[in-house]
Amino acid sequence: MSITALLTVYVALTLGVLCVVGILSEFQRRHFGPAHPEDRVFRCTKCANVYTDDADVDRSRCTQCGKLNEPVVF
């Protein structure tokens, strides 16, 4: 084999191994990483209680005093 062929095989194998390691680490990060929160954060304007509710709720009732509140925008 020529030196050019050996270098091509070496570089191709190295890049292939790096791609596989990158893909596996991404799968592991997604599997063990924190899940994307699907709740909205609300802060009561009456009693200042901070609480969460489902993402599909536009206004939520405070768990402490019962007042309807808008979600907090970060």
N, C-alpha and C. Protein backbone atom coordinates (compact mmCIF):
# COMPACT_ATOMS: atom_id res chain seq x y z
N MET A 1 0.84 -1.19 0.00
CA MET A 1 0.00 0.00 0.00
C MET A 1 0.88 1.25 0.00
N SER A 2 0.38 2.25 -0.65
CA SER A 2 1.14 3.50 -0.69
C SER A 2 0.87 4.33 0.56
N ILE A 3 1.71 5.30 0.79
CA ILE A 3 1.55 6.17 1.96
C ILE A 3 0.26 6.97 1.87
N THR A 4 -0.13 7.38 0.69
CA THR A 4 -1.36 8.14 0.50
C THR A 4 -2.57 7.31 0.90
N ALA A 5 -2.60 6.05 0.51
CA ALA A 5 -3.70 5.17 0.86
C ALA A 5 -3.75 4.92 2.36
N LEU A 6 -2.58 4.72 2.98
CA LEU A 6 -2.53 4.51 4.43
C LEU A 6 -3.04 5.75 5.19
N LEU A 7 -2.61 6.93 4.77
CA LEU A 7 -3.07 8.16 5.42
C LEU A 7 -4.57 8.36 5.22
N THR A 8 -5.08 8.05 4.04
CA THR A 8 -6.52 8.17 3.78
C THR A 8 -7.32 7.24 4.67
N VAL A 9 -6.88 5.99 4.79
CA VAL A 9 -7.57 5.03 5.66
C VAL A 9 -7.50 5.48 7.11
N TYR A 10 -6.32 5.94 7.55
CA TYR A 10 -6.15 6.39 8.93
C TYR A 10 -7.08 7.57 9.24
N VAL A 11 -7.12 8.56 8.37
CA VAL A 11 -7.97 9.74 8.58
C VAL A 11 -9.44 9.35 8.54
N ALA A 12 -9.83 8.49 7.61
CA ALA A 12 -11.23 8.07 7.50
C ALA A 12 -11.67 7.30 8.74
N LEU A 13 -10.82 6.40 9.22
CA LEU A 13 -11.17 5.65 10.43
C LEU A 13 -11.25 6.56 11.65
N THR A 14 -10.31 7.50 11.76
CA THR A 14 -10.33 8.43 12.89
C THR A 14 -11.59 9.28 12.87
N LEU A 15 -11.95 9.80 11.72
CA LEU A 15 -13.18 10.61 11.62
C LEU A 15 -14.42 9.76 11.89
N GLY A 16 -14.43 8.54 11.43
CA GLY A 16 -15.56 7.64 11.68
C GLY A 16 -15.73 7.36 13.16
N VAL A 17 -14.61 7.10 13.85
CA VAL A 17 -14.68 6.84 15.30
C VAL A 17 -15.15 8.09 16.03
N LEU A 18 -14.66 9.26 15.65
CA LEU A 18 -15.11 10.50 16.30
C LEU A 18 -16.59 10.76 16.07
N CYS A 19 -17.09 10.46 14.88
CA CYS A 19 -18.52 10.63 14.61
C CYS A 19 -19.36 9.70 15.47
N VAL A 20 -18.93 8.44 15.58
CA VAL A 20 -19.68 7.47 16.39
C VAL A 20 -19.67 7.89 17.86
N VAL A 21 -18.52 8.33 18.36
CA VAL A 21 -18.44 8.78 19.76
C VAL A 21 -19.32 9.99 19.98
N GLY A 22 -19.33 10.93 19.04
CA GLY A 22 -20.18 12.11 19.17
C GLY A 22 -21.65 11.76 19.18
N ILE A 23 -22.07 10.86 18.30
CA ILE A 23 -23.48 10.46 18.25
C ILE A 23 -23.88 9.74 19.53
N LEU A 24 -23.03 8.83 20.01
CA LEU A 24 -23.35 8.11 21.24
C LEU A 24 -23.41 9.05 22.44
N SER A 25 -22.50 10.01 22.52
CA SER A 25 -22.55 10.93 23.66
C SER A 25 -23.78 11.82 23.59
N GLU A 26 -24.24 12.18 22.40
CA GLU A 26 -25.46 12.97 22.26
C GLU A 26 -26.68 12.17 22.71
N PHE A 27 -26.75 10.90 22.33
CA PHE A 27 -27.85 10.06 22.78
C PHE A 27 -27.83 9.92 24.30
N GLN A 28 -26.65 9.75 24.88
CA GLN A 28 -26.55 9.62 26.33
C GLN A 28 -26.95 10.92 27.02
N ARG A 29 -26.54 12.07 26.47
CA ARG A 29 -26.90 13.35 27.07
C ARG A 29 -28.41 13.55 27.05
N ARG A 30 -29.04 13.20 25.94
CA ARG A 30 -30.49 13.35 25.85
C ARG A 30 -31.21 12.40 26.79
N HIS A 31 -30.68 11.20 26.94
CA HIS A 31 -31.34 10.21 27.79
C HIS A 31 -31.20 10.55 29.28
N PHE A 32 -30.01 10.98 29.70
CA PHE A 32 -29.76 11.24 31.11
C PHE A 32 -29.82 12.71 31.49
N GLY A 33 -29.89 13.61 30.52
CA GLY A 33 -29.93 15.03 30.80
C GLY A 33 -31.28 15.46 31.34
N PRO A 34 -31.34 16.67 31.84
CA PRO A 34 -32.62 17.16 32.37
C PRO A 34 -33.65 17.31 31.25
N ALA A 35 -34.85 16.93 31.54
CA ALA A 35 -35.94 17.03 30.56
C ALA A 35 -36.35 18.49 30.40
N HIS A 36 -36.79 18.82 29.23
CA HIS A 36 -37.27 20.18 28.97
C HIS A 36 -38.55 20.39 29.77
N PRO A 37 -38.58 21.42 30.59
CA PRO A 37 -39.79 21.65 31.39
C PRO A 37 -40.98 22.03 30.50
N GLU A 38 -42.09 21.37 30.73
CA GLU A 38 -43.28 21.64 29.94
C GLU A 38 -44.32 22.40 30.76
N ASP A 39 -43.88 22.99 31.86
CA ASP A 39 -44.78 23.77 32.70
C ASP A 39 -44.48 25.26 32.53
N ARG A 40 -45.49 26.06 32.80
CA ARG A 40 -45.31 27.51 32.81
C ARG A 40 -45.20 27.98 34.25
N VAL A 41 -44.43 29.03 34.45
CA VAL A 41 -44.23 29.58 35.79
C VAL A 41 -45.18 30.77 35.96
N PHE A 42 -45.85 30.79 37.10
CA PHE A 42 -46.78 31.87 37.43
C PHE A 42 -46.37 32.49 38.76
N ARG A 43 -46.62 33.78 38.89
CA ARG A 43 -46.40 34.48 40.17
C ARG A 43 -47.67 35.25 40.48
N CYS A 44 -48.21 35.00 41.65
CA CYS A 44 -49.46 35.63 42.06
C CYS A 44 -49.22 37.11 42.35
N THR A 45 -50.09 37.95 41.80
CA THR A 45 -49.97 39.39 42.04
C THR A 45 -50.53 39.80 43.39
N LYS A 46 -51.29 38.91 44.02
CA LYS A 46 -51.90 39.23 45.32
C LYS A 46 -51.01 38.78 46.48
N CYS A 47 -50.56 37.52 46.46
CA CYS A 47 -49.81 36.99 47.60
C CYS A 47 -48.34 36.69 47.26
N ALA A 48 -47.90 36.90 46.02
CA ALA A 48 -46.52 36.71 45.56
C ALA A 48 -46.09 35.24 45.58
N ASN A 49 -47.03 34.33 45.58
CA ASN A 49 -46.71 32.91 45.52
C ASN A 49 -46.22 32.56 44.10
N VAL A 50 -45.16 31.77 44.00
CA VAL A 50 -44.65 31.31 42.71
C VAL A 50 -45.02 29.84 42.57
N TYR A 51 -45.63 29.49 41.43
CA TYR A 51 -46.08 28.11 41.21
C TYR A 51 -46.06 27.81 39.72
N THR A 52 -46.24 26.56 39.36
CA THR A 52 -46.25 26.15 37.96
C THR A 52 -47.59 25.53 37.60
N ASP A 53 -47.86 25.54 36.29
CA ASP A 53 -49.06 24.90 35.76
C ASP A 53 -48.73 24.39 34.37
N ASP A 54 -49.65 23.68 33.76
CA ASP A 54 -49.42 23.09 32.44
C ASP A 54 -49.10 24.15 31.40
N ALA A 55 -48.40 23.74 30.34
CA ALA A 55 -47.98 24.67 29.28
C ALA A 55 -49.15 25.19 28.46
N ASP A 56 -50.25 24.45 28.40
CA ASP A 56 -51.38 24.88 27.57
C ASP A 56 -52.34 25.82 28.30
N VAL A 57 -52.02 26.20 29.53
CA VAL A 57 -52.87 27.09 30.32
C VAL A 57 -52.39 28.53 30.15
N ASP A 58 -53.30 29.44 29.75
CA ASP A 58 -52.93 30.84 29.58
C ASP A 58 -53.01 31.62 30.89
N ARG A 59 -53.99 31.30 31.71
CA ARG A 59 -54.14 31.92 33.03
C ARG A 59 -54.34 30.80 34.03
N SER A 60 -53.75 30.95 35.20
CA SER A 60 -53.82 29.90 36.20
C SER A 60 -54.24 30.48 37.55
N ARG A 61 -54.97 29.67 38.29
CA ARG A 61 -55.44 30.08 39.62
C ARG A 61 -54.35 29.80 40.65
N CYS A 62 -54.06 30.78 41.48
CA CYS A 62 -53.05 30.65 42.53
C CYS A 62 -53.43 29.52 43.49
N THR A 63 -52.43 28.75 43.89
CA THR A 63 -52.68 27.63 44.81
C THR A 63 -52.88 28.09 46.25
N GLN A 64 -52.46 29.33 46.57
CA GLN A 64 -52.60 29.83 47.93
C GLN A 64 -53.89 30.64 48.14
N CYS A 65 -54.14 31.60 47.24
CA CYS A 65 -55.27 32.51 47.46
C CYS A 65 -56.37 32.40 46.40
N GLY A 66 -56.12 31.72 45.29
CA GLY A 66 -57.15 31.50 44.29
C GLY A 66 -57.28 32.58 43.23
N LYS A 67 -56.41 33.58 43.20
CA LYS A 67 -56.47 34.64 42.20
C LYS A 67 -55.94 34.14 40.86
N LEU A 68 -56.59 34.55 39.75
CA LEU A 68 -56.11 34.19 38.42
C LEU A 68 -54.92 35.05 38.04
N ASN A 69 -53.87 34.42 37.47
CA ASN A 69 -52.63 35.12 37.15
C ASN A 69 -52.16 34.78 35.76
N GLU A 70 -51.39 35.70 35.17
CA GLU A 70 -50.76 35.49 33.87
C GLU A 70 -49.41 34.82 34.11
N PRO A 71 -48.88 34.10 33.11
CA PRO A 71 -47.56 33.46 33.28
C PRO A 71 -46.44 34.50 33.29
N VAL A 72 -45.36 34.15 33.94
CA VAL A 72 -44.18 35.01 34.00
C VAL A 72 -43.42 34.85 32.69
N VAL A 73 -43.02 35.98 32.10
CA VAL A 73 -42.24 35.96 30.86
C VAL A 73 -40.80 36.26 31.22
N PHE A 74 -39.90 35.36 30.90
CA PHE A 74 -38.48 35.54 31.23
C PHE A 74 -37.77 36.24 30.11
